[in-house]
Amino acid sequence: MAQRKDRYQTRQGTHHSETKRGHIHNDNNQSAYMVRAGADGGRHYLMMDSTGSPEGGRKGSTHLICPGTFNVIAAEDVSKNIPGIFMEAESGDFIINVPKGRLRINAENVDIRATGTGNEKGVIILDSDEKIILKSQQIDIDSKVSTKIFSEKTVECIGKGILNIYGGLVDVADGATKIKGSKGGIYMNELRFVL
């Protein structure tokens, strides 16, 4: 592709900052508008691109880059039922990446919901290299089809006050089950009638 030219490019600026309209980058793409700080312009700028690959996300993209903190404070005068900050990705993924710090979400209530259908959608994945810690006054796990707890080593189920185990049919087995049969026996059958 030939080097892009635009005779309507403009630039205004001082040693504090500069603004450009129609700026053409070294990769031959063009920004409709660009503003950057003077002393730290290479790391502190706002850029709105007008060319590039739509599929790759460059065309029509907006870039906000800063070496310091990035703060958004809004919605002081907004009523309770109106979203104070709303962000939506109409296609593609929404990625929050914090490679050197902690991601914190603080709110009165937190809702995480996956609304897709089928075996590959509507899934929430919690994946950790070390631990997943759940702490609360009450924890409820409710599934319509199946609930599984699996560990390659140890599973502990501890009720310091009372531990209740209920089931329409309860089968308990250990490594010796193949020889001696499952544990529970008459008591487990009696439990079925109680339930």
N, C-alpha and C. Protein backbone atom coordinates (compact mmCIF):
# COMPACT_ATOMS: atom_id res chain seq x y z
N MET A 1 0.85 -1.20 0.00
CA MET A 1 0.00 0.00 0.00
C MET A 1 0.88 1.24 0.00
N ALA A 2 0.54 2.22 -0.86
CA ALA A 2 1.32 3.45 -0.94
C ALA A 2 1.18 4.25 0.34
N GLN A 3 2.19 5.08 0.58
CA GLN A 3 2.18 5.91 1.78
C GLN A 3 0.97 6.84 1.76
N ARG A 4 0.21 6.83 2.83
CA ARG A 4 -1.00 7.64 2.92
C ARG A 4 -0.65 9.13 3.02
N LYS A 5 -1.43 9.95 2.36
CA LYS A 5 -1.26 11.41 2.43
C LYS A 5 -2.60 12.07 2.70
N ASP A 6 -2.56 13.16 3.44
CA ASP A 6 -3.79 13.89 3.76
C ASP A 6 -3.43 15.37 3.89
N ARG A 7 -3.88 16.17 2.93
CA ARG A 7 -3.53 17.59 2.94
C ARG A 7 -4.35 18.39 3.95
N TYR A 8 -5.29 17.71 4.63
CA TYR A 8 -6.09 18.41 5.64
C TYR A 8 -5.59 18.16 7.06
N GLN A 9 -4.43 17.56 7.21
CA GLN A 9 -3.86 17.36 8.54
C GLN A 9 -3.59 18.71 9.20
N THR A 10 -3.85 18.75 10.50
CA THR A 10 -3.55 19.96 11.27
C THR A 10 -2.88 19.58 12.58
N ARG A 11 -2.11 20.51 13.13
CA ARG A 11 -1.45 20.30 14.41
C ARG A 11 -1.45 21.61 15.18
N GLN A 12 -1.77 21.52 16.45
CA GLN A 12 -1.67 22.66 17.34
C GLN A 12 -1.02 22.19 18.63
N GLY A 13 -0.13 23.02 19.20
CA GLY A 13 0.49 22.57 20.44
C GLY A 13 1.50 23.55 20.98
N THR A 14 1.89 23.28 22.20
CA THR A 14 2.97 23.99 22.88
C THR A 14 3.87 22.94 23.50
N HIS A 15 4.80 23.38 24.35
CA HIS A 15 5.66 22.40 25.01
C HIS A 15 4.88 21.61 26.07
N HIS A 16 3.66 22.05 26.41
CA HIS A 16 2.84 21.32 27.38
C HIS A 16 2.12 20.13 26.74
N SER A 17 1.55 20.34 25.58
CA SER A 17 0.77 19.28 24.92
C SER A 17 0.56 19.64 23.46
N GLU A 18 0.06 18.67 22.71
CA GLU A 18 -0.25 18.92 21.30
C GLU A 18 -1.48 18.13 20.90
N THR A 19 -2.22 18.67 19.93
CA THR A 19 -3.36 17.97 19.33
C THR A 19 -3.11 17.86 17.84
N LYS A 20 -3.51 16.71 17.30
CA LYS A 20 -3.36 16.46 15.86
C LYS A 20 -4.67 15.94 15.31
N ARG A 21 -5.00 16.39 14.11
CA ARG A 21 -6.17 15.89 13.39
C ARG A 21 -5.69 15.32 12.06
N GLY A 22 -6.03 14.04 11.82
CA GLY A 22 -5.58 13.39 10.59
C GLY A 22 -4.14 12.91 10.66
N HIS A 23 -3.60 12.68 11.83
CA HIS A 23 -2.20 12.25 11.97
C HIS A 23 -2.00 10.87 11.35
N ILE A 24 -0.94 10.73 10.56
CA ILE A 24 -0.60 9.46 9.92
C ILE A 24 0.59 8.85 10.66
N HIS A 25 0.42 7.61 11.10
CA HIS A 25 1.44 6.94 11.88
C HIS A 25 2.46 6.26 10.98
N ASN A 26 3.52 5.74 11.58
CA ASN A 26 4.56 5.06 10.82
C ASN A 26 4.06 3.80 10.14
N ASP A 27 2.99 3.18 10.67
CA ASP A 27 2.43 1.98 10.04
C ASP A 27 1.41 2.32 8.96
N ASN A 28 1.32 3.60 8.59
CA ASN A 28 0.47 4.09 7.50
C ASN A 28 -1.01 4.13 7.88
N ASN A 29 -1.33 3.96 9.15
CA ASN A 29 -2.71 4.14 9.60
C ASN A 29 -2.90 5.57 10.09
N GLN A 30 -4.15 6.00 10.12
CA GLN A 30 -4.45 7.40 10.39
C GLN A 30 -5.36 7.53 11.61
N SER A 31 -5.06 8.53 12.41
CA SER A 31 -5.91 8.86 13.55
C SER A 31 -6.72 10.11 13.22
N ALA A 32 -8.03 10.05 13.42
CA ALA A 32 -8.86 11.22 13.18
C ALA A 32 -8.51 12.32 14.17
N TYR A 33 -8.21 11.92 15.42
CA TYR A 33 -7.89 12.90 16.46
C TYR A 33 -6.87 12.28 17.41
N MET A 34 -5.95 13.12 17.86
CA MET A 34 -4.92 12.64 18.78
C MET A 34 -4.47 13.79 19.65
N VAL A 35 -4.36 13.54 20.96
CA VAL A 35 -3.85 14.54 21.89
C VAL A 35 -2.86 13.83 22.81
N ARG A 36 -1.74 14.49 23.08
CA ARG A 36 -0.75 13.88 23.94
C ARG A 36 0.02 14.92 24.73
N ALA A 37 0.54 14.48 25.90
CA ALA A 37 1.31 15.37 26.75
C ALA A 37 2.67 15.65 26.11
N GLY A 38 3.20 16.83 26.40
CA GLY A 38 4.43 17.22 25.75
C GLY A 38 5.65 16.46 26.24
N ALA A 39 5.92 16.52 27.53
CA ALA A 39 7.14 15.92 28.06
C ALA A 39 7.08 14.40 28.05
N ASP A 40 5.89 13.82 28.10
CA ASP A 40 5.73 12.37 28.17
C ASP A 40 4.74 11.90 27.12
N GLY A 41 4.81 12.50 25.93
CA GLY A 41 3.82 12.24 24.89
C GLY A 41 3.80 10.82 24.39
N GLY A 42 4.94 10.13 24.44
CA GLY A 42 4.98 8.75 23.96
C GLY A 42 4.26 7.78 24.87
N ARG A 43 4.00 8.19 26.12
CA ARG A 43 3.33 7.29 27.07
C ARG A 43 2.02 7.86 27.59
N HIS A 44 1.69 9.09 27.21
CA HIS A 44 0.50 9.75 27.76
C HIS A 44 -0.26 10.42 26.61
N TYR A 45 -1.29 9.71 26.12
CA TYR A 45 -2.01 10.25 24.96
C TYR A 45 -3.39 9.62 24.82
N LEU A 46 -4.22 10.31 24.03
CA LEU A 46 -5.53 9.81 23.61
C LEU A 46 -5.54 9.77 22.10
N MET A 47 -6.00 8.67 21.53
CA MET A 47 -5.94 8.51 20.08
C MET A 47 -7.23 7.86 19.58
N MET A 48 -7.82 8.44 18.52
CA MET A 48 -9.03 7.91 17.90
C MET A 48 -8.68 7.58 16.46
N ASP A 49 -8.60 6.28 16.14
CA ASP A 49 -8.15 5.85 14.81
C ASP A 49 -9.30 5.79 13.82
N SER A 50 -9.02 6.18 12.59
CA SER A 50 -10.04 6.17 11.53
C SER A 50 -9.75 5.15 10.45
N THR A 51 -8.54 4.55 10.43
CA THR A 51 -8.21 3.53 9.44
C THR A 51 -7.68 2.29 10.15
N GLY A 52 -7.44 1.26 9.37
CA GLY A 52 -6.98 -0.01 9.92
C GLY A 52 -7.98 -1.10 9.65
N SER A 53 -7.73 -2.27 10.18
CA SER A 53 -8.59 -3.42 9.96
C SER A 53 -9.79 -3.39 10.91
N PRO A 54 -11.03 -3.36 10.38
CA PRO A 54 -12.19 -3.44 11.27
C PRO A 54 -12.23 -4.76 12.03
N GLU A 55 -11.84 -5.86 11.36
CA GLU A 55 -11.85 -7.17 12.00
C GLU A 55 -10.82 -7.23 13.13
N GLY A 56 -9.68 -6.57 12.95
CA GLY A 56 -8.65 -6.56 13.98
C GLY A 56 -8.90 -5.53 15.07
N GLY A 57 -9.91 -4.67 14.87
CA GLY A 57 -10.29 -3.71 15.89
C GLY A 57 -9.61 -2.36 15.80
N ARG A 58 -8.74 -2.15 14.80
CA ARG A 58 -8.02 -0.87 14.73
C ARG A 58 -8.91 0.26 14.23
N LYS A 59 -9.66 0.03 13.18
CA LYS A 59 -10.51 1.08 12.63
C LYS A 59 -11.64 1.42 13.60
N GLY A 60 -11.80 2.70 13.89
CA GLY A 60 -12.83 3.14 14.82
C GLY A 60 -12.48 2.90 16.27
N SER A 61 -11.23 2.60 16.56
CA SER A 61 -10.83 2.31 17.94
C SER A 61 -10.41 3.59 18.67
N THR A 62 -10.48 3.55 19.99
CA THR A 62 -10.06 4.65 20.85
C THR A 62 -9.05 4.12 21.85
N HIS A 63 -7.93 4.81 21.98
CA HIS A 63 -6.87 4.38 22.89
C HIS A 63 -6.63 5.48 23.93
N LEU A 64 -6.65 5.08 25.21
CA LEU A 64 -6.30 5.97 26.31
C LEU A 64 -5.09 5.37 27.02
N ILE A 65 -3.97 6.04 26.93
CA ILE A 65 -2.71 5.53 27.49
C ILE A 65 -2.16 6.55 28.49
N CYS A 66 -1.77 6.08 29.68
CA CYS A 66 -1.17 6.99 30.65
C CYS A 66 -0.20 6.22 31.55
N PRO A 67 0.91 6.82 31.94
CA PRO A 67 1.86 6.15 32.83
C PRO A 67 1.47 6.23 34.30
N GLY A 68 0.54 7.10 34.63
CA GLY A 68 0.09 7.24 36.02
C GLY A 68 -1.25 6.56 36.22
N THR A 69 -1.94 6.91 37.28
CA THR A 69 -3.23 6.30 37.57
C THR A 69 -4.29 6.78 36.60
N PHE A 70 -5.30 5.93 36.39
CA PHE A 70 -6.43 6.26 35.52
C PHE A 70 -7.68 6.20 36.39
N ASN A 71 -8.31 7.33 36.63
CA ASN A 71 -9.44 7.42 37.55
C ASN A 71 -10.71 7.85 36.83
N VAL A 72 -11.79 7.15 37.12
CA VAL A 72 -13.11 7.53 36.62
C VAL A 72 -14.03 7.63 37.84
N ILE A 73 -14.54 8.81 38.10
CA ILE A 73 -15.47 9.03 39.21
C ILE A 73 -16.73 9.66 38.62
N ALA A 74 -17.85 8.98 38.81
CA ALA A 74 -19.07 9.45 38.15
C ALA A 74 -20.29 9.14 39.00
N ALA A 75 -21.43 9.67 38.55
CA ALA A 75 -22.77 9.30 39.02
C ALA A 75 -23.13 9.87 40.40
N GLU A 76 -22.55 10.97 40.80
CA GLU A 76 -22.92 11.57 42.09
C GLU A 76 -24.38 11.98 42.12
N ASP A 77 -24.92 12.41 40.99
CA ASP A 77 -26.30 12.91 40.95
C ASP A 77 -27.27 11.93 40.31
N VAL A 78 -26.85 10.69 40.08
CA VAL A 78 -27.71 9.72 39.40
C VAL A 78 -28.57 8.99 40.43
N SER A 79 -29.84 8.74 40.08
CA SER A 79 -30.73 8.03 41.00
C SER A 79 -30.33 6.57 41.13
N LYS A 80 -30.85 5.91 42.15
CA LYS A 80 -30.39 4.58 42.52
C LYS A 80 -30.63 3.53 41.44
N ASN A 81 -31.71 3.65 40.69
CA ASN A 81 -32.07 2.64 39.70
C ASN A 81 -31.41 2.84 38.34
N ILE A 82 -30.58 3.86 38.20
CA ILE A 82 -29.89 4.15 36.94
C ILE A 82 -28.43 3.73 37.09
N PRO A 83 -27.86 3.00 36.10
CA PRO A 83 -26.45 2.63 36.19
C PRO A 83 -25.54 3.85 36.25
N GLY A 84 -24.65 3.86 37.22
CA GLY A 84 -23.71 4.98 37.34
C GLY A 84 -22.63 4.92 36.27
N ILE A 85 -22.13 3.73 35.99
CA ILE A 85 -21.15 3.51 34.92
C ILE A 85 -21.61 2.28 34.15
N PHE A 86 -21.73 2.41 32.84
CA PHE A 86 -22.19 1.32 31.99
C PHE A 86 -21.16 1.07 30.90
N MET A 87 -20.68 -0.16 30.78
CA MET A 87 -19.73 -0.52 29.73
C MET A 87 -20.24 -1.79 29.05
N GLU A 88 -20.25 -1.80 27.73
CA GLU A 88 -20.76 -2.95 26.97
C GLU A 88 -19.88 -3.21 25.75
N ALA A 89 -19.48 -4.46 25.57
CA ALA A 89 -18.79 -4.89 24.36
C ALA A 89 -19.83 -5.57 23.46
N GLU A 90 -20.20 -4.94 22.35
CA GLU A 90 -21.26 -5.49 21.50
C GLU A 90 -20.82 -6.77 20.80
N SER A 91 -19.53 -6.97 20.64
CA SER A 91 -18.99 -8.23 20.14
C SER A 91 -17.59 -8.40 20.71
N GLY A 92 -17.09 -9.61 20.69
CA GLY A 92 -15.76 -9.86 21.25
C GLY A 92 -15.81 -10.02 22.76
N ASP A 93 -14.64 -10.11 23.37
CA ASP A 93 -14.52 -10.34 24.81
C ASP A 93 -14.30 -9.03 25.55
N PHE A 94 -14.57 -9.06 26.84
CA PHE A 94 -14.29 -7.96 27.76
C PHE A 94 -13.18 -8.47 28.68
N ILE A 95 -11.98 -7.91 28.57
CA ILE A 95 -10.82 -8.41 29.29
C ILE A 95 -10.33 -7.37 30.29
N ILE A 96 -10.18 -7.79 31.54
CA ILE A 96 -9.53 -6.97 32.56
C ILE A 96 -8.26 -7.71 32.96
N ASN A 97 -7.12 -7.12 32.71
CA ASN A 97 -5.84 -7.79 32.92
C ASN A 97 -5.02 -7.03 33.96
N VAL A 98 -4.68 -7.69 35.05
CA VAL A 98 -3.87 -7.07 36.10
C VAL A 98 -2.69 -8.02 36.39
N PRO A 99 -1.66 -8.03 35.55
CA PRO A 99 -0.60 -9.04 35.69
C PRO A 99 0.29 -8.85 36.90
N LYS A 100 0.32 -7.66 37.49
CA LYS A 100 1.24 -7.42 38.60
C LYS A 100 0.53 -6.92 39.86
N GLY A 101 -0.76 -7.15 39.95
CA GLY A 101 -1.49 -6.64 41.11
C GLY A 101 -2.71 -7.48 41.42
N ARG A 102 -3.61 -6.93 42.20
CA ARG A 102 -4.83 -7.60 42.66
C ARG A 102 -6.04 -6.92 42.04
N LEU A 103 -6.97 -7.73 41.55
CA LEU A 103 -8.23 -7.22 41.04
C LEU A 103 -9.24 -7.21 42.18
N ARG A 104 -9.78 -6.03 42.51
CA ARG A 104 -10.71 -5.90 43.62
C ARG A 104 -12.05 -5.39 43.11
N ILE A 105 -13.12 -6.06 43.54
CA ILE A 105 -14.48 -5.64 43.22
C ILE A 105 -15.22 -5.46 44.54
N ASN A 106 -15.59 -4.24 44.86
CA ASN A 106 -16.27 -3.94 46.12
C ASN A 106 -17.65 -3.36 45.83
N ALA A 107 -18.68 -3.91 46.46
CA ALA A 107 -20.04 -3.40 46.24
C ALA A 107 -20.94 -3.90 47.37
N GLU A 108 -22.13 -3.29 47.49
CA GLU A 108 -23.13 -3.80 48.44
C GLU A 108 -23.52 -5.23 48.10
N ASN A 109 -23.72 -5.49 46.82
CA ASN A 109 -24.02 -6.84 46.32
C ASN A 109 -23.26 -7.03 45.01
N VAL A 110 -22.88 -8.25 44.72
CA VAL A 110 -22.15 -8.57 43.49
C VAL A 110 -22.88 -9.69 42.77
N ASP A 111 -23.26 -9.47 41.53
CA ASP A 111 -23.91 -10.49 40.70
C ASP A 111 -22.98 -10.88 39.56
N ILE A 112 -22.74 -12.18 39.41
CA ILE A 112 -21.98 -12.70 38.27
C ILE A 112 -22.88 -13.73 37.60
N ARG A 113 -23.23 -13.49 36.35
CA ARG A 113 -24.19 -14.36 35.69
C ARG A 113 -23.76 -14.64 34.25
N ALA A 114 -23.80 -15.91 33.87
CA ALA A 114 -23.56 -16.33 32.49
C ALA A 114 -24.89 -16.77 31.90
N THR A 115 -25.32 -16.12 30.82
CA THR A 115 -26.68 -16.32 30.30
C THR A 115 -26.73 -17.19 29.05
N GLY A 116 -25.60 -17.74 28.61
CA GLY A 116 -25.61 -18.56 27.40
C GLY A 116 -26.28 -19.90 27.64
N THR A 117 -26.58 -20.61 26.55
CA THR A 117 -27.21 -21.92 26.62
C THR A 117 -26.34 -22.94 25.90
N GLY A 118 -26.57 -24.21 26.17
CA GLY A 118 -25.79 -25.27 25.56
C GLY A 118 -24.63 -25.68 26.45
N ASN A 119 -23.91 -26.71 26.03
CA ASN A 119 -22.83 -27.27 26.84
C ASN A 119 -21.61 -26.35 26.93
N GLU A 120 -21.41 -25.47 25.96
CA GLU A 120 -20.22 -24.63 25.92
C GLU A 120 -20.50 -23.18 26.30
N LYS A 121 -21.73 -22.82 26.54
CA LYS A 121 -22.09 -21.46 26.91
C LYS A 121 -22.87 -21.48 28.23
N GLY A 122 -22.99 -20.32 28.85
CA GLY A 122 -23.64 -20.27 30.15
C GLY A 122 -22.76 -20.87 31.23
N VAL A 123 -21.45 -20.73 31.10
CA VAL A 123 -20.48 -21.37 32.00
C VAL A 123 -19.70 -20.29 32.75
N ILE A 124 -19.53 -20.47 34.05
CA ILE A 124 -18.66 -19.61 34.86
C ILE A 124 -17.48 -20.46 35.34
N ILE A 125 -16.27 -20.01 35.06
CA ILE A 125 -15.06 -20.75 35.42
C ILE A 125 -14.26 -19.96 36.44
N LEU A 126 -13.95 -20.58 37.58
CA LEU A 126 -13.03 -20.03 38.56
C LEU A 126 -11.78 -20.90 38.54
N ASP A 127 -10.66 -20.37 38.11
CA ASP A 127 -9.44 -21.15 37.92
C ASP A 127 -8.31 -20.47 38.68
N SER A 128 -7.71 -21.17 39.62
CA SER A 128 -6.66 -20.59 40.45
C SER A 128 -5.47 -21.54 40.53
N ASP A 129 -4.25 -20.97 40.57
CA ASP A 129 -3.05 -21.79 40.70
C ASP A 129 -2.87 -22.35 42.10
N GLU A 130 -3.44 -21.71 43.12
CA GLU A 130 -3.18 -22.12 44.49
C GLU A 130 -4.46 -22.43 45.26
N LYS A 131 -5.31 -21.44 45.53
CA LYS A 131 -6.49 -21.65 46.36
C LYS A 131 -7.68 -20.85 45.84
N ILE A 132 -8.86 -21.37 46.11
CA ILE A 132 -10.11 -20.61 45.98
C ILE A 132 -10.75 -20.62 47.37
N ILE A 133 -10.91 -19.46 47.97
CA ILE A 133 -11.40 -19.35 49.34
C ILE A 133 -12.78 -18.70 49.33
N LEU A 134 -13.76 -19.38 49.90
CA LEU A 134 -15.11 -18.83 50.04
C LEU A 134 -15.39 -18.64 51.53
N LYS A 135 -15.72 -17.43 51.94
CA LYS A 135 -16.02 -17.14 53.33
C LYS A 135 -17.31 -16.35 53.42
N SER A 136 -18.24 -16.82 54.25
CA SER A 136 -19.52 -16.13 54.40
C SER A 136 -20.25 -16.69 55.62
N GLN A 137 -21.28 -15.99 56.08
CA GLN A 137 -22.13 -16.51 57.14
C GLN A 137 -22.89 -17.74 56.66
N GLN A 138 -23.23 -17.77 55.39
CA GLN A 138 -23.99 -18.89 54.84
C GLN A 138 -23.60 -19.08 53.38
N ILE A 139 -23.36 -20.31 52.97
CA ILE A 139 -23.01 -20.64 51.59
C ILE A 139 -24.00 -21.69 51.10
N ASP A 140 -24.73 -21.41 50.04
CA ASP A 140 -25.69 -22.34 49.45
C ASP A 140 -25.20 -22.73 48.06
N ILE A 141 -25.16 -24.02 47.78
CA ILE A 141 -24.84 -24.53 46.44
C ILE A 141 -26.06 -25.31 45.97
N ASP A 142 -26.65 -24.89 44.87
CA ASP A 142 -27.91 -25.48 44.41
C ASP A 142 -27.80 -25.75 42.91
N SER A 143 -27.88 -27.02 42.52
CA SER A 143 -27.83 -27.37 41.10
C SER A 143 -29.04 -28.21 40.73
N LYS A 144 -29.46 -28.14 39.47
CA LYS A 144 -30.66 -28.85 39.03
C LYS A 144 -30.35 -30.27 38.53
N VAL A 145 -29.11 -30.53 38.12
CA VAL A 145 -28.78 -31.83 37.54
C VAL A 145 -27.74 -32.58 38.36
N SER A 146 -26.59 -31.95 38.62
CA SER A 146 -25.51 -32.69 39.26
C SER A 146 -24.60 -31.74 40.03
N THR A 147 -24.09 -32.21 41.18
CA THR A 147 -23.09 -31.49 41.95
C THR A 147 -21.95 -32.46 42.27
N LYS A 148 -20.73 -32.07 41.92
CA LYS A 148 -19.58 -32.95 42.15
C LYS A 148 -18.49 -32.18 42.91
N ILE A 149 -17.88 -32.85 43.88
CA ILE A 149 -16.70 -32.32 44.57
C ILE A 149 -15.60 -33.36 44.41
N PHE A 150 -14.50 -32.99 43.78
CA PHE A 150 -13.45 -33.95 43.46
C PHE A 150 -12.10 -33.41 43.88
N SER A 151 -11.31 -34.27 44.47
CA SER A 151 -9.93 -33.93 44.82
C SER A 151 -9.04 -35.13 44.54
N GLU A 152 -7.84 -34.89 44.03
CA GLU A 152 -6.90 -35.97 43.78
C GLU A 152 -6.29 -36.51 45.06
N LYS A 153 -6.47 -35.78 46.20
CA LYS A 153 -5.90 -36.24 47.46
C LYS A 153 -6.96 -36.34 48.54
N THR A 154 -7.28 -35.27 49.22
CA THR A 154 -8.13 -35.34 50.40
C THR A 154 -9.36 -34.45 50.25
N VAL A 155 -10.50 -34.97 50.69
CA VAL A 155 -11.73 -34.18 50.81
C VAL A 155 -12.19 -34.27 52.26
N GLU A 156 -12.36 -33.13 52.90
CA GLU A 156 -12.82 -33.09 54.29
C GLU A 156 -14.17 -32.38 54.35
N CYS A 157 -15.11 -32.99 55.04
CA CYS A 157 -16.44 -32.39 55.25
C CYS A 157 -16.65 -32.33 56.75
N ILE A 158 -16.61 -31.15 57.33
CA ILE A 158 -16.58 -30.98 58.78
C ILE A 158 -17.75 -30.10 59.22
N GLY A 159 -18.53 -30.59 60.14
CA GLY A 159 -19.57 -29.78 60.78
C GLY A 159 -19.26 -29.71 62.26
N LYS A 160 -18.74 -28.62 62.76
CA LYS A 160 -18.32 -28.54 64.17
C LYS A 160 -19.51 -28.64 65.11
N GLY A 161 -20.66 -28.23 64.65
CA GLY A 161 -21.86 -28.38 65.47
C GLY A 161 -22.61 -29.64 65.08
N ILE A 162 -23.21 -29.63 63.90
CA ILE A 162 -23.98 -30.78 63.39
C ILE A 162 -23.64 -30.95 61.91
N LEU A 163 -23.47 -32.19 61.49
CA LEU A 163 -23.26 -32.52 60.08
C LEU A 163 -24.42 -33.41 59.65
N ASN A 164 -25.26 -32.93 58.74
CA ASN A 164 -26.39 -33.69 58.22
C ASN A 164 -26.12 -34.12 56.79
N ILE A 165 -26.36 -35.39 56.49
CA ILE A 165 -26.25 -35.89 55.12
C ILE A 165 -27.58 -36.57 54.78
N TYR A 166 -28.26 -36.08 53.78
CA TYR A 166 -29.54 -36.63 53.38
C TYR A 166 -29.48 -37.05 51.92
N GLY A 167 -30.21 -38.06 51.56
CA GLY A 167 -30.30 -38.47 50.17
C GLY A 167 -31.43 -39.44 49.96
N GLY A 168 -32.10 -39.37 48.81
CA GLY A 168 -33.11 -40.36 48.49
C GLY A 168 -32.49 -41.75 48.43
N LEU A 169 -31.27 -41.85 47.95
CA LEU A 169 -30.50 -43.08 47.97
C LEU A 169 -29.05 -42.69 48.24
N VAL A 170 -28.46 -43.26 49.30
CA VAL A 170 -27.11 -42.90 49.69
C VAL A 170 -26.23 -44.13 49.56
N ASP A 171 -25.12 -44.01 48.83
CA ASP A 171 -24.18 -45.10 48.67
C ASP A 171 -22.81 -44.58 49.06
N VAL A 172 -22.14 -45.24 50.01
CA VAL A 172 -20.83 -44.82 50.49
C VAL A 172 -19.85 -45.94 50.20
N ALA A 173 -18.72 -45.63 49.57
CA ALA A 173 -17.76 -46.65 49.18
C ALA A 173 -16.35 -46.19 49.47
N ASP A 174 -15.47 -47.17 49.75
CA ASP A 174 -14.05 -46.87 49.88
C ASP A 174 -13.26 -47.85 49.03
N GLY A 175 -11.93 -47.88 49.24
CA GLY A 175 -11.10 -48.74 48.41
C GLY A 175 -11.39 -50.20 48.57
N ALA A 176 -11.95 -50.61 49.70
CA ALA A 176 -12.25 -52.03 49.94
C ALA A 176 -13.63 -52.43 49.45
N THR A 177 -14.36 -51.55 48.84
CA THR A 177 -15.74 -51.83 48.44
C THR A 177 -15.83 -52.99 47.46
N LYS A 178 -14.83 -53.13 46.62
CA LYS A 178 -14.86 -54.19 45.61
C LYS A 178 -14.95 -55.56 46.28
N ILE A 179 -14.34 -55.68 47.49
CA ILE A 179 -14.33 -56.96 48.19
C ILE A 179 -15.50 -57.07 49.18
N LYS A 180 -15.70 -56.03 49.96
CA LYS A 180 -16.66 -56.09 51.08
C LYS A 180 -18.01 -55.46 50.78
N GLY A 181 -18.14 -54.77 49.65
CA GLY A 181 -19.40 -54.11 49.35
C GLY A 181 -19.43 -52.70 49.90
N SER A 182 -20.43 -51.91 49.51
CA SER A 182 -20.50 -50.52 49.93
C SER A 182 -20.95 -50.40 51.37
N LYS A 183 -20.56 -49.28 52.00
CA LYS A 183 -20.93 -49.04 53.39
C LYS A 183 -22.27 -48.32 53.45
N GLY A 184 -22.90 -48.39 54.58
CA GLY A 184 -24.20 -47.74 54.75
C GLY A 184 -25.26 -48.77 55.06
N GLY A 185 -25.43 -49.73 54.18
CA GLY A 185 -26.27 -50.89 54.42
C GLY A 185 -27.68 -50.57 54.86
N ILE A 186 -28.13 -51.25 55.98
CA ILE A 186 -29.52 -51.13 56.45
C ILE A 186 -29.84 -49.70 56.83
N TYR A 187 -28.87 -49.02 57.46
CA TYR A 187 -29.15 -47.65 57.91
C TYR A 187 -29.49 -46.75 56.73
N MET A 188 -28.77 -46.89 55.64
CA MET A 188 -29.03 -46.05 54.48
C MET A 188 -30.41 -46.38 53.88
N ASN A 189 -30.80 -47.65 53.90
CA ASN A 189 -32.13 -47.99 53.40
C ASN A 189 -33.21 -47.43 54.31
N GLU A 190 -32.96 -47.47 55.63
CA GLU A 190 -33.93 -46.89 56.56
C GLU A 190 -34.05 -45.38 56.36
N LEU A 191 -32.92 -44.75 56.04
CA LEU A 191 -32.92 -43.31 55.82
C LEU A 191 -33.81 -42.93 54.65
N ARG A 192 -33.89 -43.79 53.64
CA ARG A 192 -34.73 -43.50 52.49
C ARG A 192 -36.20 -43.41 52.92
N PHE A 193 -36.64 -44.29 53.82
CA PHE A 193 -38.04 -44.27 54.27
C PHE A 193 -38.31 -43.04 55.15
N VAL A 194 -37.29 -42.61 55.90
CA VAL A 194 -37.46 -41.42 56.73
C VAL A 194 -37.66 -40.21 55.86
N LEU A 195 -36.91 -40.12 54.76
CA LEU A 195 -37.03 -38.98 53.87
C LEU A 195 -38.35 -39.04 53.11
